[in-house]
Amino acid sequence: MARGLLVLCVTLLALGSPSLVQAGPLVTGVQEPYIENSGARDLLLDRIAGSGSTATRVWLYWSRVAGNGRPSDPANPADPAYDWSNVDGQVRAARARGLRVILNIHETPSWAAAGSWTGRAAARAPVVSELGLLARAAAERYDGDFVPPGESSPLPEVRDWEVWNEPNLSYFLVPQRDGSGNSIAPAIYRDMVNTVAAAVHTVDPGNNVVAGVLAPFGAPDSHMPLDFMRRLLCMSGGKDPRPVCGLHVSFDVWSHHPYTQGGPTHDAYWPDDVSVGDLSEMNRLLRAAIRHGQVQRSRPVAFWVTEFSWETKGPDPLGVPLRLHARWTSEVLYRMWGSGVSLVTWWMLRDRPFPVRLEQSGFYFCGARSLADEGTCFGPNVSADAPKSRTIRAFRFPFVAFPRNGRVFTWGRTPAGVPGRVVIQRRTPSGWRRIGVLRTNQYGIFQKTWRIASTRGVWRARLARNGEASVGFSLHRVPDRPLVHPFGCGGGLPC
């Protein structure tokens, strides 16, 4: 993107102008890896459902499900060499709460690696035919009709299948380049996506294959996300991307992880990196590839964010202060929706022990908030977690209000996207004063520009049916905070 155009776009965003006016859905979800711990699973999933989420992302570690050796019949979900027990438990518990499950297939078992490349063993590129057999078995196991041996009822249905995690990074997929330094990871990943798509679409054409799943920043031994994406889709760069080869890729959803070193409008420093402020640029490249036939699909391709968050200050000294964290949470959901994103998954539900571990981005403080012993933060102590109440409210019921051209623009989404009526209010010295009432669309989305000239004050939305209120949103412009580290400190980073 030209720097002049980028500055203009950032300015418009800061003034509250949506980058893309649309009326589609905004599904929200949370990924919490420790729902693998069956002892804490029910409480954690109850919290996810209580956050207004209707989805959750779950790891399907191929290396664990089939880590003991190649099954004799790897396309058979009942092959005794498979161990699905942990995934089964997570899927059952999530679906029992009405949560949509996004299963992310990643990590290669040693027997399925395509080569002995240097790097993390589970990141080695797989033999794609073996990956296809695993995907076929998983899709059949969670087709809604499969009854595991020895059981009497079928497992719940899963329709969303994400291929790998952040394949533009060498930590998750090797090799990234060949011995001469030539890029090869996008081509490897294209074969992986096409193979998984063929497998899960054979089981049910209505299944969604989620591709991309890219990290926001590149590295010397990896790929920047837009570079990886162009190579994967065989598209040129520039303002008018065009096909540069005859290869195609098949998927139903494109996903990205747009972590940022600033606030909700912040763009990445390097042109081919993609933070929140660059999502519209990524979406334009995606739509160009679809328009030119580089993406093979049978229905419109969706754009998702399946991992995103900020650290909070407390316990992380480099995190975002709690009140600002809540404001940014509401605003980033609006910005993502405005960039064409229809599903956002927050990483994660609860903080990790500080300072031993990174990731203080949860909706709950870990136990007593500053304990360094990981064992004190899990198991029965999960119930002692302290909620980050304002952030939970902002995620559950996002609402923004911006002065614009002498008026006030408002946008929001009801908890869980349930349609209905909302009351828009402005805070006055005598309390909250009603501005007007809006009816949402079918996805619980509402927006309106009000004929009120104001650049100060705090606005909020309330549900007409039960009085639940969003976090108040100040009309006062909050400047960006560049150089916020998206992963904070701890784990060896300086504090």
Protein backbone atom coordinates (compact mmCIF):
# COMPACT_ATOMS: atom_id res chain seq x y z
CA MET A 1 0.00 0.00 0.00
CA ALA A 2 1.38 3.45 -0.88
CA ARG A 3 2.37 5.37 2.26
CA GLY A 4 0.13 8.34 1.36
CA LEU A 5 -2.90 6.12 0.94
CA LEU A 6 -2.00 4.29 4.16
CA VAL A 7 -1.88 7.56 6.11
CA LEU A 8 -5.26 8.57 4.69
CA CYS A 9 -6.81 5.21 5.63
CA VAL A 10 -5.40 5.35 9.16
CA THR A 11 -6.70 8.91 9.56
CA LEU A 12 -10.19 7.90 8.47
CA LEU A 13 -10.13 4.97 10.83
CA ALA A 14 -9.07 7.17 13.70
CA LEU A 15 -12.03 9.45 13.02
CA GLY A 16 -14.39 6.52 13.25
CA SER A 17 -15.09 5.86 9.56
CA PRO A 18 -15.56 2.16 8.82
CA SER A 19 -13.17 0.87 6.17
CA LEU A 20 -15.95 -1.23 4.66
CA VAL A 21 -19.63 -0.63 5.33
CA GLN A 22 -21.36 -3.99 5.45
CA ALA A 23 -24.13 -5.74 7.29
CA GLY A 24 -22.76 -9.25 7.71
CA PRO A 25 -22.37 -11.22 10.95
CA LEU A 26 -19.71 -10.99 13.61
CA VAL A 27 -19.33 -14.34 15.34
CA THR A 28 -17.04 -14.30 18.37
CA GLY A 29 -15.19 -17.14 20.03
CA VAL A 30 -12.42 -17.88 22.52
CA GLN A 31 -9.64 -20.43 22.36
CA GLU A 32 -8.50 -21.80 25.71
CA PRO A 33 -5.95 -24.61 25.33
CA TYR A 34 -6.47 -25.81 28.88
CA ILE A 35 -9.92 -27.15 28.12
CA GLU A 36 -7.74 -30.17 27.33
CA ASN A 37 -7.61 -30.53 31.11
CA SER A 38 -10.82 -32.44 31.74
CA GLY A 39 -10.88 -31.38 35.39
CA ALA A 40 -11.31 -27.72 34.47
CA ARG A 41 -13.11 -28.18 31.15
CA ASP A 42 -16.70 -27.54 32.19
CA LEU A 43 -15.94 -24.34 34.09
CA LEU A 44 -13.74 -22.97 31.31
CA LEU A 45 -16.32 -23.68 28.62
CA ASP A 46 -19.05 -22.12 30.76
CA ARG A 47 -16.91 -19.00 30.90
CA ILE A 48 -16.44 -19.03 27.13
CA ALA A 49 -20.19 -19.27 26.58
CA GLY A 50 -20.70 -16.52 29.14
CA SER A 51 -18.40 -14.20 27.18
CA GLY A 52 -21.03 -13.90 24.45
CA SER A 53 -19.09 -16.36 22.29
CA THR A 54 -20.80 -18.87 20.06
CA ALA A 55 -17.58 -20.56 18.88
CA THR A 56 -14.36 -22.01 20.21
CA ARG A 57 -11.16 -23.11 18.51
CA VAL A 58 -9.70 -26.48 19.53
CA TRP A 59 -6.31 -28.00 18.74
CA LEU A 60 -6.35 -31.35 16.97
CA TYR A 61 -2.76 -32.47 17.46
CA TRP A 62 -2.15 -35.08 14.80
CA SER A 63 1.07 -35.99 16.64
CA ARG A 64 -0.99 -36.94 19.72
CA VAL A 65 -3.96 -38.57 18.04
CA ALA A 66 -1.66 -40.82 16.01
CA GLY A 67 1.66 -40.47 17.76
CA ASN A 68 2.35 -44.13 18.41
CA GLY A 69 2.69 -45.19 14.80
CA ARG A 70 0.80 -45.29 11.55
CA PRO A 71 -2.70 -46.81 11.92
CA SER A 72 -3.27 -49.87 9.77
CA ASP A 73 -6.30 -48.13 8.26
CA PRO A 74 -5.63 -44.38 8.71
CA ALA A 75 -8.83 -43.30 6.92
CA ASN A 76 -10.89 -45.24 9.46
CA PRO A 77 -11.86 -43.11 12.49
CA ALA A 78 -12.32 -46.28 14.55
CA ASP A 79 -8.82 -47.64 13.89
CA PRO A 80 -7.51 -48.73 17.32
CA ALA A 81 -4.16 -47.00 16.77
CA TYR A 82 -5.89 -43.63 16.99
CA ASP A 83 -6.44 -41.96 20.37
CA TRP A 84 -9.25 -39.43 19.95
CA SER A 85 -10.30 -39.40 23.60
CA ASN A 86 -9.15 -35.88 24.48
CA VAL A 87 -10.54 -34.30 21.31
CA ASP A 88 -13.81 -36.21 21.75
CA GLY A 89 -14.17 -34.81 25.26
CA GLN A 90 -13.52 -31.24 24.16
CA VAL A 91 -15.91 -31.46 21.21
CA ARG A 92 -18.67 -33.02 23.29
CA ALA A 93 -18.38 -30.44 26.07
CA ALA A 94 -18.22 -27.47 23.69
CA ARG A 95 -21.14 -28.60 21.55
CA ALA A 96 -23.21 -29.30 24.70
CA ARG A 97 -22.99 -25.55 25.34
CA GLY A 98 -24.02 -24.67 21.81
CA LEU A 99 -20.50 -23.63 20.80
CA ARG A 100 -19.39 -24.00 17.21
CA VAL A 101 -16.10 -25.94 17.17
CA ILE A 102 -13.23 -24.98 14.85
CA LEU A 103 -10.80 -27.91 14.79
CA ASN A 104 -7.24 -26.94 13.91
CA ILE A 105 -5.21 -29.86 12.50
CA HIS A 106 -1.48 -29.40 13.05
CA GLU A 107 1.75 -31.05 14.24
CA THR A 108 3.15 -33.94 12.23
CA PRO A 109 3.76 -37.31 13.92
CA SER A 110 7.31 -38.54 13.34
CA TRP A 111 6.18 -41.42 11.12
CA ALA A 112 4.33 -39.04 8.75
CA ALA A 113 7.12 -36.50 8.16
CA ALA A 114 8.10 -35.98 4.54
CA GLY A 115 11.75 -35.43 5.39
CA SER A 116 14.28 -34.93 8.17
CA TRP A 117 14.42 -31.15 7.99
CA THR A 118 16.17 -29.17 10.69
CA GLY A 119 13.75 -27.64 13.17
CA ARG A 120 11.04 -28.59 15.62
CA ALA A 121 10.07 -32.21 14.94
CA ALA A 122 6.30 -31.62 14.95
CA ALA A 123 6.73 -28.76 12.45
CA ARG A 124 8.16 -30.96 9.71
CA ALA A 125 6.10 -30.93 6.53
CA PRO A 126 3.95 -34.06 6.33
CA VAL A 127 3.48 -36.60 3.58
CA VAL A 128 0.36 -34.96 2.18
CA SER A 129 -1.39 -38.23 1.39
CA GLU A 130 -1.10 -39.20 5.06
CA LEU A 131 -2.48 -35.81 6.09
CA GLY A 132 -5.43 -36.41 3.78
CA LEU A 133 -6.17 -39.77 5.38
CA LEU A 134 -6.10 -38.22 8.86
CA ALA A 135 -8.42 -35.41 7.71
CA ARG A 136 -10.80 -37.96 6.17
CA ALA A 137 -10.89 -39.96 9.42
CA ALA A 138 -11.46 -36.84 11.54
CA ALA A 139 -14.23 -35.51 9.28
CA GLU A 140 -16.01 -38.89 9.41
CA ARG A 141 -15.59 -39.12 13.19
CA TYR A 142 -17.24 -35.72 13.68
CA ASP A 143 -19.87 -35.92 10.94
CA GLY A 144 -22.66 -36.08 13.52
CA ASP A 145 -23.47 -39.75 12.89
CA PHE A 146 -20.35 -41.60 14.02
CA VAL A 147 -20.78 -43.76 17.13
CA PRO A 148 -17.41 -44.69 18.70
CA PRO A 149 -16.88 -48.41 19.38
CA GLY A 150 -18.35 -49.39 22.72
CA GLU A 151 -20.54 -46.29 22.96
CA SER A 152 -24.24 -45.83 22.28
CA SER A 153 -24.56 -42.24 21.02
CA PRO A 154 -22.93 -40.41 18.12
CA LEU A 155 -20.30 -37.74 18.55
CA PRO A 156 -21.39 -34.15 17.83
CA GLU A 157 -20.88 -32.58 14.43
CA VAL A 158 -17.90 -30.39 13.51
CA ARG A 159 -18.03 -28.43 10.25
CA ASP A 160 -14.96 -26.14 10.43
CA TRP A 161 -11.52 -27.59 9.63
CA GLU A 162 -8.46 -25.37 9.91
CA VAL A 163 -5.30 -26.51 8.11
CA TRP A 164 -2.22 -26.05 10.29
CA ASN A 165 -1.25 -23.10 12.44
CA GLU A 166 0.84 -20.15 11.23
CA PRO A 167 2.53 -22.03 8.38
CA ASN A 168 4.51 -18.91 7.40
CA LEU A 169 6.69 -19.45 10.49
CA SER A 170 9.44 -22.05 10.75
CA TYR A 171 8.32 -22.86 14.30
CA PHE A 172 5.15 -24.42 12.84
CA LEU A 173 6.19 -25.56 9.35
CA VAL A 174 9.60 -26.56 8.00
CA PRO A 175 11.13 -26.27 5.54
CA GLN A 176 10.37 -22.66 4.68
CA ARG A 177 13.10 -22.54 2.02
CA ASP A 178 15.27 -25.00 0.17
CA GLY A 179 19.04 -25.30 0.39
CA SER A 180 19.48 -22.45 -2.10
CA GLY A 181 17.24 -20.10 -0.15
CA ASN A 182 14.28 -20.41 -2.51
CA SER A 183 10.82 -20.20 -0.99
CA ILE A 184 9.06 -23.58 -0.83
CA ALA A 185 6.74 -23.43 2.21
CA PRO A 186 3.80 -21.80 0.33
CA ALA A 187 3.87 -24.56 -2.29
CA ILE A 188 4.05 -27.25 0.42
CA TYR A 189 1.15 -25.64 2.22
CA ARG A 190 -0.90 -25.42 -1.00
CA ASP A 191 -0.65 -29.19 -1.38
CA MET A 192 -1.64 -29.63 2.27
CA VAL A 193 -4.73 -27.42 1.94
CA ASN A 194 -5.85 -29.03 -1.32
CA THR A 195 -5.44 -32.50 0.16
CA VAL A 196 -7.40 -31.68 3.31
CA ALA A 197 -10.10 -29.96 1.25
CA ALA A 198 -10.55 -33.01 -0.97
CA ALA A 199 -10.80 -35.26 2.09
CA VAL A 200 -13.28 -33.29 4.22
CA HIS A 201 -15.41 -32.21 1.25
CA THR A 202 -15.71 -35.86 0.23
CA VAL A 203 -17.18 -36.60 3.66
CA ASP A 204 -19.53 -33.60 3.47
CA PRO A 205 -19.43 -30.86 0.80
CA GLY A 206 -20.82 -28.49 3.42
CA ASN A 207 -17.69 -28.70 5.57
CA ASN A 208 -15.58 -25.54 5.75
CA VAL A 209 -11.86 -25.73 5.01
CA VAL A 210 -10.02 -22.85 6.68
CA ALA A 211 -6.70 -21.89 5.07
CA GLY A 212 -4.06 -19.25 5.74
CA VAL A 213 -4.02 -19.15 9.56
CA LEU A 214 -1.01 -16.87 9.19
CA ALA A 215 1.15 -15.15 11.79
CA PRO A 216 1.23 -11.33 11.48
CA PHE A 217 5.00 -10.90 11.29
CA GLY A 218 7.70 -12.62 9.29
CA ALA A 219 11.24 -13.52 10.35
CA PRO A 220 14.56 -14.14 8.55
CA ASP A 221 13.92 -17.90 8.43
CA SER A 222 10.19 -17.54 7.69
CA HIS A 223 7.79 -15.55 5.47
CA MET A 224 5.93 -12.30 5.92
CA PRO A 225 2.21 -13.08 5.64
CA LEU A 226 1.41 -11.15 2.43
CA ASP A 227 4.46 -12.63 0.72
CA PHE A 228 3.38 -16.12 1.80
CA MET A 229 -0.20 -15.43 0.71
CA ARG A 230 0.78 -14.17 -2.75
CA ARG A 231 2.97 -17.21 -3.33
CA LEU A 232 0.26 -19.58 -2.07
CA LEU A 233 -2.41 -18.01 -4.30
CA CYS A 234 0.01 -17.45 -7.22
CA MET A 235 -0.76 -13.74 -7.34
CA SER A 236 1.41 -10.75 -8.17
CA GLY A 237 1.92 -7.77 -5.88
CA GLY A 238 0.91 -4.19 -6.50
CA LYS A 239 -2.41 -2.37 -6.52
CA ASP A 240 -3.93 -4.68 -9.14
CA PRO A 241 -2.81 -8.25 -8.27
CA ARG A 242 -2.92 -10.75 -11.14
CA PRO A 243 -2.31 -14.50 -11.43
CA VAL A 244 1.31 -15.44 -12.10
CA CYS A 245 0.82 -19.21 -12.48
CA GLY A 246 -1.85 -21.76 -13.23
CA LEU A 247 -1.89 -23.43 -9.81
CA HIS A 248 -5.03 -23.23 -7.66
CA VAL A 249 -5.96 -23.79 -4.04
CA SER A 250 -9.27 -24.97 -2.61
CA PHE A 251 -10.72 -23.55 0.62
CA ASP A 252 -13.86 -21.95 2.03
CA VAL A 253 -12.45 -19.55 4.62
CA TRP A 254 -9.29 -17.45 4.82
CA SER A 255 -7.90 -16.90 8.33
CA HIS A 256 -5.28 -14.58 9.77
CA HIS A 257 -3.81 -13.68 13.20
CA PRO A 258 -3.40 -9.87 13.06
CA TYR A 259 -1.58 -9.18 16.32
CA THR A 260 -0.43 -5.58 16.50
CA GLN A 261 2.29 -3.47 18.11
CA GLY A 262 -0.27 -0.75 18.79
CA GLY A 263 -4.00 -0.15 19.01
CA PRO A 264 -7.04 -1.18 16.93
CA THR A 265 -6.05 0.90 13.87
CA HIS A 266 -2.33 0.16 13.95
CA ASP A 267 -0.70 -1.06 10.75
CA ALA A 268 2.43 -3.19 10.62
CA TYR A 269 5.80 -1.53 10.08
CA TRP A 270 6.91 -3.75 7.19
CA PRO A 271 4.73 -3.67 4.04
CA ASP A 272 4.20 -7.44 3.84
CA ASP A 273 3.35 -7.89 7.52
CA VAL A 274 -0.34 -7.72 8.48
CA SER A 275 -1.65 -6.28 11.75
CA VAL A 276 -5.21 -5.12 12.43
CA GLY A 277 -4.79 -1.96 10.37
CA ASP A 278 -3.77 -4.00 7.32
CA LEU A 279 -6.69 -6.45 7.22
CA SER A 280 -8.47 -4.58 4.43
CA GLU A 281 -5.33 -4.90 2.30
CA MET A 282 -5.20 -8.66 2.93
CA ASN A 283 -8.91 -8.95 2.10
CA ARG A 284 -8.38 -7.10 -1.19
CA LEU A 285 -5.68 -9.58 -2.20
CA LEU A 286 -7.98 -12.46 -1.24
CA ARG A 287 -10.88 -11.04 -3.29
CA ALA A 288 -8.58 -10.45 -6.28
CA ALA A 289 -7.44 -14.09 -6.16
CA ILE A 290 -11.05 -15.27 -5.98
CA ARG A 291 -12.08 -12.98 -8.84
CA HIS A 292 -9.29 -14.36 -11.04
CA GLY A 293 -10.19 -17.98 -10.25
CA GLN A 294 -7.11 -18.79 -8.16
CA VAL A 295 -9.31 -20.05 -5.31
CA GLN A 296 -11.51 -23.03 -6.07
CA ARG A 297 -14.67 -22.95 -3.98
CA SER A 298 -18.36 -23.78 -4.22
CA ARG A 299 -19.63 -20.85 -2.09
CA PRO A 300 -18.51 -17.36 -1.04
CA VAL A 301 -15.18 -17.36 0.79
CA ALA A 302 -15.32 -15.94 4.33
CA PHE A 303 -12.57 -13.95 6.07
CA TRP A 304 -11.85 -14.91 9.70
CA VAL A 305 -9.47 -13.95 12.51
CA THR A 306 -8.88 -17.14 14.50
CA GLU A 307 -6.34 -15.72 16.92
CA PHE A 308 -5.96 -12.25 18.38
CA SER A 309 -5.50 -10.49 21.74
CA TRP A 310 -3.51 -7.95 23.77
CA GLU A 311 -1.69 -8.46 27.05
CA THR A 312 -3.07 -6.57 30.06
CA LYS A 313 -1.03 -4.40 32.39
CA GLY A 314 -1.43 -6.28 35.62
CA PRO A 315 0.33 -8.56 35.93
CA ASP A 316 2.35 -7.73 32.77
CA PRO A 317 4.09 -4.33 33.18
CA LEU A 318 4.28 -3.98 29.38
CA GLY A 319 0.61 -4.78 28.84
CA VAL A 320 -2.32 -2.48 28.07
CA PRO A 321 -4.00 -0.78 31.08
CA LEU A 322 -7.27 -2.49 31.93
CA ARG A 323 -9.64 0.39 31.06
CA LEU A 324 -7.90 0.97 27.74
CA HIS A 325 -7.84 -2.80 27.14
CA ALA A 326 -11.65 -2.88 27.37
CA ARG A 327 -12.02 0.06 24.97
CA TRP A 328 -9.60 -1.48 22.49
CA THR A 329 -11.45 -4.81 22.71
CA SER A 330 -14.75 -3.22 21.63
CA GLU A 331 -13.09 -1.13 18.96
CA VAL A 332 -10.99 -3.91 17.44
CA LEU A 333 -14.11 -6.04 16.91
CA TYR A 334 -15.67 -3.12 15.05
CA ARG A 335 -12.52 -2.53 12.98
CA MET A 336 -12.21 -6.19 12.05
CA TRP A 337 -15.89 -6.36 11.08
CA GLY A 338 -15.38 -3.23 8.99
CA SER A 339 -12.52 -4.97 7.18
CA GLY A 340 -14.79 -7.85 6.14
CA VAL A 341 -14.04 -10.24 9.03
CA SER A 342 -17.05 -12.34 10.05
CA LEU A 343 -15.56 -14.44 12.90
CA VAL A 344 -13.04 -13.50 15.60
CA THR A 345 -11.47 -15.91 18.10
CA TRP A 346 -9.75 -14.38 21.14
CA TRP A 347 -6.53 -15.92 22.47
CA MET A 348 -7.12 -16.87 25.33
CA LEU A 349 -9.59 -17.21 28.23
CA ARG A 350 -7.24 -17.01 31.22
CA ASP A 351 -3.75 -15.71 31.87
CA ARG A 352 -0.73 -17.91 32.22
CA PRO A 353 1.46 -17.89 35.36
CA PHE A 354 3.55 -14.72 35.40
CA PRO A 355 6.46 -14.14 34.91
CA VAL A 356 7.30 -17.73 34.01
CA ARG A 357 5.04 -17.73 30.94
CA LEU A 358 4.00 -15.28 28.25
CA GLU A 359 0.32 -14.69 27.50
CA GLN A 360 -1.40 -12.39 29.95
CA SER A 361 -4.19 -11.77 27.44
CA GLY A 362 -6.97 -13.73 29.09
CA PHE A 363 -10.36 -12.54 30.28
CA TYR A 364 -9.44 -13.89 33.74
CA PHE A 365 -6.40 -13.37 35.92
CA CYS A 366 -4.68 -16.61 36.76
CA GLY A 367 -5.57 -17.43 40.36
CA ALA A 368 -3.90 -14.88 42.63
CA ARG A 369 -2.60 -12.99 39.54
CA SER A 370 1.13 -13.09 40.29
CA LEU A 371 1.91 -16.67 41.23
CA ALA A 372 4.91 -18.05 39.40
CA ASP A 373 4.22 -21.69 40.12
CA GLU A 374 2.21 -23.02 37.18
CA GLY A 375 0.72 -25.78 39.29
CA THR A 376 -1.09 -23.27 41.50
CA CYS A 377 -2.94 -21.79 38.53
CA PHE A 378 -4.54 -24.93 37.16
CA GLY A 379 -6.66 -27.80 38.35
CA PRO A 380 -8.97 -26.91 41.24
CA ASN A 381 -7.59 -23.35 41.47
CA VAL A 382 -9.23 -22.36 38.18
CA SER A 383 -12.34 -21.50 40.18
CA ALA A 384 -10.36 -18.84 42.07
CA ASP A 385 -9.56 -16.84 38.92
CA ALA A 386 -10.46 -13.15 39.07
CA PRO A 387 -12.37 -11.81 36.04
CA LYS A 388 -11.23 -8.81 34.01
CA SER A 389 -14.82 -7.64 34.11
CA ARG A 390 -14.68 -4.63 31.78
CA THR A 391 -12.86 -6.57 29.06
CA ILE A 392 -15.35 -9.43 29.31
CA ARG A 393 -18.24 -6.97 28.97
CA ALA A 394 -16.57 -5.25 26.01
CA PHE A 395 -16.08 -8.57 24.22
CA ARG A 396 -19.55 -9.83 25.09
CA PHE A 397 -21.36 -6.64 24.05
CA PRO A 398 -19.02 -4.55 21.85
CA PHE A 399 -20.08 -0.95 21.29
CA VAL A 400 -18.27 2.10 19.86
CA ALA A 401 -19.16 5.76 19.38
CA PHE A 402 -17.14 8.24 17.30
CA PRO A 403 -17.65 11.92 16.43
CA ARG A 404 -17.92 12.23 12.67
CA ASN A 405 -18.65 15.27 10.54
CA GLY A 406 -20.43 17.06 13.34
CA ARG A 407 -22.48 14.00 14.27
CA VAL A 408 -21.96 10.83 16.30
CA PHE A 409 -21.57 7.41 14.69
CA THR A 410 -22.45 4.35 16.78
CA TRP A 411 -21.99 0.64 16.12
CA GLY A 412 -22.41 -2.47 18.20
CA ARG A 413 -23.29 -6.14 18.38
CA THR A 414 -25.52 -7.76 20.98
CA PRO A 415 -24.23 -10.62 23.17
CA ALA A 416 -24.03 -13.79 21.06
CA GLY A 417 -25.42 -11.81 18.11
CA VAL A 418 -29.04 -12.28 19.21
CA PRO A 419 -31.33 -9.91 17.26
CA GLY A 420 -33.54 -7.46 19.11
CA ARG A 421 -33.80 -3.82 20.14
CA VAL A 422 -31.11 -1.71 21.82
CA VAL A 423 -31.34 1.62 23.59
CA ILE A 424 -28.53 4.12 22.89
CA GLN A 425 -27.69 6.31 25.88
CA ARG A 426 -25.43 9.24 26.75
CA ARG A 427 -24.09 9.88 30.23
CA THR A 428 -25.09 13.18 31.84
CA PRO A 429 -24.46 14.65 35.30
CA SER A 430 -27.87 13.30 36.35
CA GLY A 431 -27.36 9.80 34.91
CA TRP A 432 -27.80 7.98 31.60
CA ARG A 433 -30.07 9.81 29.11
CA ARG A 434 -31.78 7.98 26.24
CA ILE A 435 -30.77 9.07 22.73
CA GLY A 436 -32.90 6.59 20.78
CA VAL A 437 -33.81 2.97 20.13
CA LEU A 438 -32.43 0.79 17.33
CA ARG A 439 -33.46 -2.59 15.99
CA THR A 440 -30.54 -4.87 15.10
CA ASN A 441 -30.20 -6.87 11.92
CA GLN A 442 -30.52 -10.66 11.99
CA TYR A 443 -26.95 -10.97 13.30
CA GLY A 444 -27.44 -8.63 16.29
CA ILE A 445 -25.50 -5.85 14.53
CA PHE A 446 -26.69 -2.25 14.84
CA GLN A 447 -25.27 1.05 13.62
CA LYS A 448 -26.48 4.61 13.17
CA THR A 449 -25.15 8.14 12.78
CA TRP A 450 -26.98 10.48 15.15
CA ARG A 451 -27.71 14.15 14.41
CA ILE A 452 -26.01 15.25 17.58
CA ALA A 453 -23.01 17.57 17.40
CA SER A 454 -20.72 16.37 20.16
CA THR A 455 -17.06 15.56 20.56
CA ARG A 456 -17.15 14.78 24.28
CA GLY A 457 -19.03 12.53 26.65
CA VAL A 458 -19.58 8.81 27.14
CA TRP A 459 -22.14 6.70 25.26
CA ARG A 460 -23.33 3.15 25.71
CA ALA A 461 -25.94 0.64 24.49
CA ARG A 462 -28.48 -1.29 26.57
CA LEU A 463 -30.56 -4.31 25.62
CA ALA A 464 -34.23 -3.41 25.61
CA ARG A 465 -35.22 -6.93 26.68
CA ASN A 466 -33.26 -7.18 29.93
CA GLY A 467 -31.32 -3.96 30.50
CA GLU A 468 -27.83 -5.44 30.03
CA ALA A 469 -25.46 -2.59 29.19
CA SER A 470 -22.25 -2.33 27.20
CA VAL A 471 -19.15 -0.68 28.60
CA GLY A 472 -19.35 3.08 28.21
CA PHE A 473 -17.38 4.37 25.22
CA SER A 474 -15.89 7.88 25.38
CA LEU A 475 -16.16 10.18 22.36
CA HIS A 476 -12.75 11.54 23.31
CA ARG A 477 -10.21 10.35 20.78
CA VAL A 478 -7.64 7.98 22.26
CA PRO A 479 -4.29 8.15 20.45
CA ASP A 480 -2.50 5.03 19.29
CA ARG A 481 0.17 3.58 21.51
CA PRO A 482 2.83 2.35 19.09
CA LEU A 483 5.44 -0.13 20.23
CA VAL A 484 3.04 -2.02 22.46
CA HIS A 485 4.46 -5.54 22.36
CA PRO A 486 1.60 -7.91 21.48
CA PHE A 487 3.05 -10.63 23.70
CA GLY A 488 4.22 -8.46 26.57
CA CYS A 489 7.16 -9.49 28.74
CA GLY A 490 8.05 -12.55 30.73
CA GLY A 491 9.42 -15.75 29.25
CA GLY A 492 12.82 -14.11 28.73
CA LEU A 493 11.61 -10.78 27.24
CA PRO A 494 12.81 -7.69 29.15
CA CYS A 495 10.24 -6.05 31.43
